[in-house]
């Protein structure tokens, strides 16, 4: 599992859970994937993250840093 954020939102229009990845928002059309269930959407989101990371690495593109939550 990656350390990248995923936002899942239900779409009444599509009747699907839509997935966005905040760290990729300036480089990828959002939402970037979907699923009929929350679990399917999360799995698809993980696959998309890995796909983009591999492609960017292969192409020599900069890799966005995962966002982290700092707890004091």
Protein backbone atom coordinates (compact mmCIF):
# COMPACT_ATOMS: atom_id res chain seq x y z
CA UNK A 1 0.00 0.00 0.00
CA UNK A 2 1.31 3.42 -0.92
CA UNK A 3 1.53 6.46 1.32
CA UNK A 4 -0.38 8.69 -1.10
CA UNK A 5 -3.75 10.17 -0.16
CA UNK A 6 -6.97 9.05 -1.79
CA UNK A 7 -10.30 10.83 -1.65
CA UNK A 8 -13.37 8.65 -2.28
CA UNK A 9 -16.63 10.33 -3.18
CA UNK A 10 -19.95 8.80 -4.18
CA UNK A 11 -21.36 10.02 -7.50
CA UNK A 12 -25.16 9.79 -7.81
CA UNK A 13 -24.84 10.57 -11.50
CA UNK A 14 -22.38 7.74 -12.20
CA UNK A 15 -23.54 5.46 -9.36
CA UNK A 16 -19.88 4.80 -8.56
CA UNK A 17 -17.27 5.74 -5.98
CA UNK A 18 -14.87 8.20 -7.65
CA UNK A 19 -11.22 8.37 -6.60
CA UNK A 20 -8.97 11.40 -6.62
CA UNK A 21 -5.34 11.52 -5.51
CA UNK A 22 -4.60 14.99 -4.16
CA UNK A 23 -0.83 14.74 -4.65
CA UNK A 24 -1.35 14.04 -8.37
CA UNK A 25 -3.98 16.74 -8.99
CA UNK A 26 -1.68 19.07 -10.93
CA UNK A 27 -0.47 16.26 -13.24
CA UNK A 28 -3.42 13.89 -13.72
CA UNK A 29 -7.03 14.40 -14.79
CA UNK A 30 -9.25 13.86 -11.76
CA UNK A 31 -11.05 11.75 -10.78
CA UNK A 32 -8.48 9.22 -11.86
CA UNK A 33 -10.44 5.99 -11.28
CA UNK A 34 -13.62 4.61 -9.77
CA UNK A 35 -15.29 1.50 -8.37
CA UNK A 36 -18.72 0.03 -7.79
CA UNK A 37 -17.81 -0.51 -4.12
CA UNK A 38 -15.51 1.34 -1.72
CA UNK A 39 -13.14 -1.63 -1.73
CA UNK A 40 -13.00 -1.78 -5.52
CA UNK A 41 -12.40 1.98 -5.72
CA UNK A 42 -9.55 1.78 -3.18
CA UNK A 43 -7.94 -1.16 -5.01
CA UNK A 44 -8.25 0.67 -8.33
CA UNK A 45 -6.76 3.79 -6.72
CA UNK A 46 -3.74 1.83 -5.49
CA UNK A 47 -3.23 0.38 -8.98
CA UNK A 48 -3.42 3.84 -10.57
CA UNK A 49 -0.89 5.23 -8.08
CA UNK A 50 1.57 2.45 -8.89
CA UNK A 51 0.98 2.86 -12.63
CA UNK A 52 1.72 6.59 -12.56
CA UNK A 53 4.75 6.20 -10.30
CA UNK A 54 6.25 3.55 -12.59
CA UNK A 55 5.55 5.65 -15.70
CA UNK A 56 7.05 8.82 -14.20
CA UNK A 57 10.12 6.91 -13.02
CA UNK A 58 10.60 5.34 -16.46
CA UNK A 59 10.22 8.72 -18.18
CA UNK A 60 12.54 10.46 -15.71
CA UNK A 61 9.74 12.72 -14.51
CA UNK A 62 9.73 14.10 -10.96
CA UNK A 63 7.72 12.01 -8.50
CA UNK A 64 5.28 13.95 -6.26
CA UNK A 65 5.93 13.54 -2.55
CA UNK A 66 3.17 11.90 -0.49
CA UNK A 67 1.39 14.28 1.87
CA UNK A 68 1.81 13.52 5.53
CA UNK A 69 -0.16 14.55 8.57
CA UNK A 70 2.01 15.89 11.35
CA UNK A 71 0.59 15.16 14.76
CA UNK A 72 2.05 17.12 17.65
